[in-house]
Amino acid sequence: MKKIAITFSILIASIVTVNAQSDTLKPVKGDWGFTLNITGIINNIVIENNKDSLGQYNLKARHYLKNDLALRLGFGVSYLKQNYFNEDSITVVSTGSKALQVKDSAISRFDFKVSVGIEKHLGSTKRLDPYIAGDLSIIRIGATKVDANIDVTDVTGTYNEKFILQVDGGFGFGLGGVAGFNYFISKKLSLGVEFGYAFVYTKAGGDYSSSMVVTPVNGSQTSDFVSGKAGTSQTNIGATSTGGIMLSFFF
């Protein structure tokens, strides 16, 4: 009878544990989660990725090491490729004749950011899930390249200017604290709010170079090359752009 009672007690405890786990709405150890921001609540609702300290969109993920402890991961990429084209008629000042002017330029830059942090969950209720967290961010600011070309064509021929500018990028890092909460509207699906306060340092610039090549209608081609160093650094301490309503889902 004693063995039967022990076996029955173990069975009841297992059933209770399974039911408790199946009833919970929150993620548990081993789960992954991803978060998106919701903006435009008043006018137009838009769901988008979070933004980092530079205003870049980034993907935010969580991995639960324990039921109440999660690893925070963030990754953001920003690639700029902007082209400008304009074609118009002008009057050449030196001759007074009409000419066709064509301007064509492009600018490119690639930035990325990674972050890692720890998130401690404090709530014990079924739906409300408050937490605090700390994040470390590493930022890479890409080099900038500008390529511009101008053609002026009239009855005498084509005048051309070609300009190229290259500027070194930079780096940055941030260290911040976060407080927030999730409210689970269904199993492993929540709405939440997060507020952050961080120290962010960025430094951009270094070597730069520019070249200008002029090809006249008549005469010899001329070129001019300039190089040097220039840079900026910036330190910010304050609220970060993590604030907003967030939609999180876990699996």
Protein backbone atom coordinates (compact mmCIF):
# COMPACT_ATOMS: atom_id res chain seq x y z
CA MET A 1 0.00 0.00 0.00
CA LYS A 2 2.87 2.36 0.77
CA LYS A 3 4.41 1.85 -2.68
CA ILE A 4 1.02 2.38 -4.33
CA ALA A 5 0.50 5.62 -2.37
CA ILE A 6 3.97 6.91 -3.36
CA THR A 7 3.37 6.02 -7.01
CA PHE A 8 -0.06 7.67 -6.94
CA SER A 9 1.43 10.82 -5.35
CA ILE A 10 4.13 11.04 -8.02
CA LEU A 11 1.51 10.60 -10.76
CA ILE A 12 -0.70 13.35 -9.29
CA ALA A 13 2.30 15.70 -8.97
CA SER A 14 3.28 15.05 -12.59
CA ILE A 15 -0.24 15.74 -13.82
CA VAL A 16 -0.41 18.97 -11.82
CA THR A 17 2.99 20.07 -13.18
CA VAL A 18 2.02 19.34 -16.80
CA ASN A 19 -1.29 21.15 -16.40
CA ALA A 20 0.45 24.13 -14.81
CA GLN A 21 2.92 24.31 -17.69
CA SER A 22 0.18 23.95 -20.28
CA ASP A 23 -1.85 26.70 -18.61
CA THR A 24 0.96 29.24 -18.50
CA LEU A 25 0.86 31.98 -21.10
CA LYS A 26 4.47 33.03 -20.66
CA PRO A 27 7.57 31.59 -22.34
CA VAL A 28 9.68 29.09 -20.42
CA LYS A 29 13.28 27.90 -20.43
CA GLY A 30 14.47 27.11 -23.95
CA ASP A 31 11.94 29.31 -25.77
CA TRP A 32 12.85 31.94 -28.36
CA GLY A 33 11.02 35.21 -28.89
CA PHE A 34 10.99 38.07 -31.37
CA THR A 35 9.72 41.61 -30.88
CA LEU A 36 8.25 44.22 -33.23
CA ASN A 37 7.25 47.81 -32.51
CA ILE A 38 3.71 49.06 -33.08
CA THR A 39 3.41 52.73 -34.05
CA GLY A 40 0.63 55.00 -35.26
CA ILE A 41 -1.95 53.93 -32.70
CA ILE A 42 -3.94 57.13 -33.08
CA ASN A 43 -4.05 57.37 -36.86
CA ASN A 44 -2.56 54.45 -38.76
CA ILE A 45 -1.24 51.35 -37.01
CA VAL A 46 2.16 50.26 -38.32
CA ILE A 47 4.16 47.24 -37.13
CA GLU A 48 7.90 47.63 -37.60
CA ASN A 49 11.25 46.53 -36.22
CA ASN A 50 12.79 48.27 -33.22
CA LYS A 51 15.28 51.09 -33.70
CA ASP A 52 18.71 51.35 -32.11
CA SER A 53 20.51 54.38 -30.66
CA LEU A 54 21.34 55.64 -34.19
CA GLY A 55 17.76 55.36 -35.35
CA GLN A 56 18.47 52.21 -37.37
CA TYR A 57 15.89 49.45 -37.55
CA ASN A 58 17.04 46.24 -35.92
CA LEU A 59 15.81 42.76 -35.17
CA LYS A 60 15.36 42.00 -31.47
CA ALA A 61 15.30 38.46 -30.10
CA ARG A 62 15.18 36.76 -26.71
CA HIS A 63 16.32 33.30 -25.66
CA TYR A 64 15.14 32.08 -22.25
CA LEU A 65 18.00 30.59 -20.24
CA LYS A 66 15.60 30.06 -17.32
CA ASN A 67 11.89 30.66 -16.86
CA ASP A 68 12.69 34.09 -15.43
CA LEU A 69 16.01 34.89 -17.17
CA ALA A 70 16.46 35.67 -20.87
CA LEU A 71 19.36 36.49 -23.16
CA ARG A 72 18.65 39.61 -25.27
CA LEU A 73 20.07 39.80 -28.80
CA GLY A 74 19.84 42.61 -31.32
CA PHE A 75 21.10 43.05 -34.87
CA GLY A 76 20.62 46.01 -37.17
CA VAL A 77 21.79 46.81 -40.69
CA SER A 78 21.44 50.11 -42.56
CA TYR A 79 22.48 50.34 -46.22
CA LEU A 80 22.19 53.65 -48.05
CA LYS A 81 22.40 53.79 -51.84
CA GLN A 82 21.01 57.05 -53.16
CA ASN A 83 21.12 58.12 -56.81
CA TYR A 84 20.31 61.55 -58.20
CA PHE A 85 19.71 62.39 -61.85
CA ASN A 86 18.75 65.71 -63.46
CA GLU A 87 18.65 66.76 -67.11
CA ASP A 88 17.87 70.36 -68.08
CA SER A 89 18.65 73.07 -70.62
CA ILE A 90 20.86 75.98 -69.56
CA THR A 91 22.47 79.04 -71.07
CA VAL A 92 26.26 78.95 -71.27
CA VAL A 93 27.45 82.25 -69.78
CA SER A 94 30.63 82.52 -71.85
CA THR A 95 28.91 82.03 -75.24
CA GLY A 96 25.26 82.79 -74.55
CA SER A 97 24.28 79.59 -76.37
CA LYS A 98 21.85 76.94 -75.14
CA ALA A 99 23.24 73.68 -73.79
CA LEU A 100 22.00 70.44 -72.26
CA GLN A 101 23.21 69.87 -68.70
CA VAL A 102 23.10 66.38 -67.20
CA LYS A 103 23.85 65.82 -63.50
CA ASP A 104 24.27 62.26 -62.23
CA SER A 105 25.42 61.43 -58.70
CA ALA A 106 25.37 58.57 -56.19
CA ILE A 107 26.10 58.24 -52.47
CA SER A 108 26.56 54.97 -50.57
CA ARG A 109 27.13 53.89 -46.97
CA PHE A 110 26.71 50.68 -44.92
CA ASP A 111 26.22 50.62 -41.13
CA PHE A 112 25.50 47.78 -38.71
CA LYS A 113 24.96 47.25 -35.01
CA VAL A 114 24.90 44.25 -32.66
CA SER A 115 23.80 44.13 -29.04
CA VAL A 116 23.66 41.59 -26.24
CA GLY A 117 22.09 41.78 -22.82
CA ILE A 118 20.46 39.99 -19.92
CA GLU A 119 16.80 40.31 -18.97
CA LYS A 120 15.44 39.41 -15.52
CA HIS A 121 11.69 38.77 -15.24
CA LEU A 122 10.04 39.66 -11.94
CA GLY A 123 6.35 38.81 -12.28
CA SER A 124 4.58 35.73 -10.95
CA THR A 125 1.09 36.39 -12.32
CA LYS A 126 -0.44 34.61 -15.30
CA ARG A 127 -0.44 37.54 -17.74
CA LEU A 128 1.60 40.47 -16.42
CA ASP A 129 5.36 40.05 -16.88
CA PRO A 130 7.51 42.98 -15.63
CA TYR A 131 11.28 42.84 -16.19
CA ILE A 132 14.54 44.75 -16.00
CA ALA A 133 17.50 44.37 -18.34
CA GLY A 134 20.94 45.60 -19.31
CA ASP A 135 22.30 45.88 -22.86
CA LEU A 136 25.72 46.36 -24.44
CA SER A 137 25.75 47.62 -28.04
CA ILE A 138 28.55 47.77 -30.61
CA ILE A 139 28.05 50.07 -33.60
CA ARG A 140 29.96 50.21 -36.88
CA ILE A 141 29.54 53.34 -39.03
CA GLY A 142 30.45 52.60 -42.63
CA ALA A 143 32.60 54.68 -44.96
CA THR A 144 30.81 57.17 -47.20
CA LYS A 145 31.44 57.45 -50.94
CA VAL A 146 30.09 60.18 -53.21
CA ASP A 147 30.40 59.92 -56.99
CA ALA A 148 29.13 62.89 -59.04
CA ASN A 149 29.27 63.57 -62.76
CA ILE A 150 28.23 66.68 -64.78
CA ASP A 151 28.01 66.86 -68.58
CA VAL A 152 27.26 70.10 -70.44
CA THR A 153 26.71 69.62 -74.18
CA ASP A 154 26.21 72.35 -76.77
CA VAL A 155 27.03 72.82 -80.44
CA THR A 156 30.75 72.98 -79.72
CA GLY A 157 30.98 69.70 -77.84
CA THR A 158 30.73 68.28 -74.31
CA TYR A 159 32.23 69.71 -71.14
CA ASN A 160 32.60 67.19 -68.26
CA GLU A 161 33.28 67.36 -64.51
CA LYS A 162 33.79 64.20 -62.44
CA PHE A 163 33.98 64.43 -58.63
CA ILE A 164 34.70 61.59 -56.18
CA LEU A 165 34.70 61.91 -52.37
CA GLN A 166 35.57 59.15 -49.90
CA VAL A 167 35.30 59.56 -46.11
CA ASP A 168 36.19 56.98 -43.47
CA GLY A 169 33.44 55.65 -41.22
CA GLY A 170 33.66 55.08 -37.49
CA PHE A 171 32.44 53.09 -34.52
CA GLY A 172 30.43 53.43 -31.37
CA PHE A 173 29.25 51.59 -28.30
CA GLY A 174 26.43 51.91 -25.83
CA LEU A 175 25.66 50.64 -22.34
CA GLY A 176 22.14 50.97 -21.03
CA GLY A 177 19.48 49.83 -18.61
CA VAL A 178 15.94 48.89 -19.55
CA ALA A 179 12.68 48.49 -17.62
CA GLY A 180 9.50 47.20 -19.15
CA PHE A 181 6.65 44.74 -19.00
CA ASN A 182 4.75 42.35 -21.23
CA TYR A 183 1.05 41.59 -20.96
CA PHE A 184 0.17 38.21 -22.46
CA ILE A 185 -3.04 38.38 -24.44
CA SER A 186 -2.79 34.70 -25.35
CA LYS A 187 -0.32 31.86 -25.02
CA LYS A 188 3.19 33.18 -25.83
CA LEU A 189 1.83 36.33 -27.47
CA SER A 190 2.14 39.64 -25.66
CA LEU A 191 1.90 43.40 -25.87
CA GLY A 192 4.42 45.40 -23.89
CA VAL A 193 6.19 48.66 -23.23
CA GLU A 194 9.90 49.19 -22.69
CA PHE A 195 11.84 52.25 -21.52
CA GLY A 196 15.60 52.63 -21.72
CA TYR A 197 18.32 54.94 -20.44
CA ALA A 198 21.77 54.61 -21.92
CA PHE A 199 25.26 55.95 -22.41
CA VAL A 200 26.13 56.03 -26.13
CA TYR A 201 29.47 57.09 -27.64
CA THR A 202 30.13 57.41 -31.39
CA LYS A 203 33.18 58.51 -33.33
CA ALA A 204 33.13 59.04 -37.10
CA GLY A 205 35.63 60.16 -39.68
CA GLY A 206 39.38 59.86 -40.14
CA ASP A 207 41.01 59.93 -43.55
CA TYR A 208 39.20 61.56 -46.45
CA SER A 209 40.07 62.19 -50.08
CA SER A 210 38.47 63.99 -52.99
CA SER A 211 39.33 64.24 -56.64
CA MET A 212 38.02 66.50 -59.39
CA VAL A 213 38.70 65.83 -63.06
CA VAL A 214 37.63 68.46 -65.61
CA THR A 215 37.53 67.71 -69.33
CA PRO A 216 36.84 70.88 -71.35
CA VAL A 217 35.51 71.02 -74.88
CA ASN A 218 38.83 72.43 -76.05
CA GLY A 219 42.13 72.19 -74.27
CA SER A 220 43.79 69.79 -71.87
CA GLN A 221 42.13 67.80 -69.09
CA THR A 222 42.91 68.99 -65.56
CA SER A 223 42.68 67.17 -62.24
CA ASP A 224 42.84 68.13 -58.59
CA PHE A 225 43.32 65.75 -55.65
CA VAL A 226 42.90 66.63 -51.97
CA SER A 227 43.37 64.41 -48.90
CA GLY A 228 43.37 64.95 -45.18
CA LYS A 229 41.85 63.98 -41.85
CA ALA A 230 38.56 65.08 -40.27
CA GLY A 231 36.32 63.54 -37.66
CA THR A 232 33.67 64.02 -35.04
CA SER A 233 32.85 62.33 -31.74
CA GLN A 234 29.64 62.43 -29.76
CA THR A 235 28.53 61.29 -26.31
CA ASN A 236 24.87 60.95 -25.36
CA ILE A 237 23.42 60.07 -21.97
CA GLY A 238 19.67 59.86 -21.78
CA ALA A 239 16.51 58.08 -22.80
CA THR A 240 16.83 55.79 -25.80
CA SER A 241 14.50 55.04 -28.68
CA THR A 242 13.42 51.70 -27.19
CA GLY A 243 10.24 53.31 -25.87
CA GLY A 244 7.06 52.22 -27.67
CA ILE A 245 4.38 49.55 -27.72
CA MET A 246 5.82 46.17 -28.62
CA LEU A 247 4.31 43.00 -29.99
CA SER A 248 6.24 39.90 -28.92
CA PHE A 249 5.74 36.28 -29.94
CA PHE A 250 7.52 33.20 -28.60
CA PHE A 251 8.00 29.61 -29.64
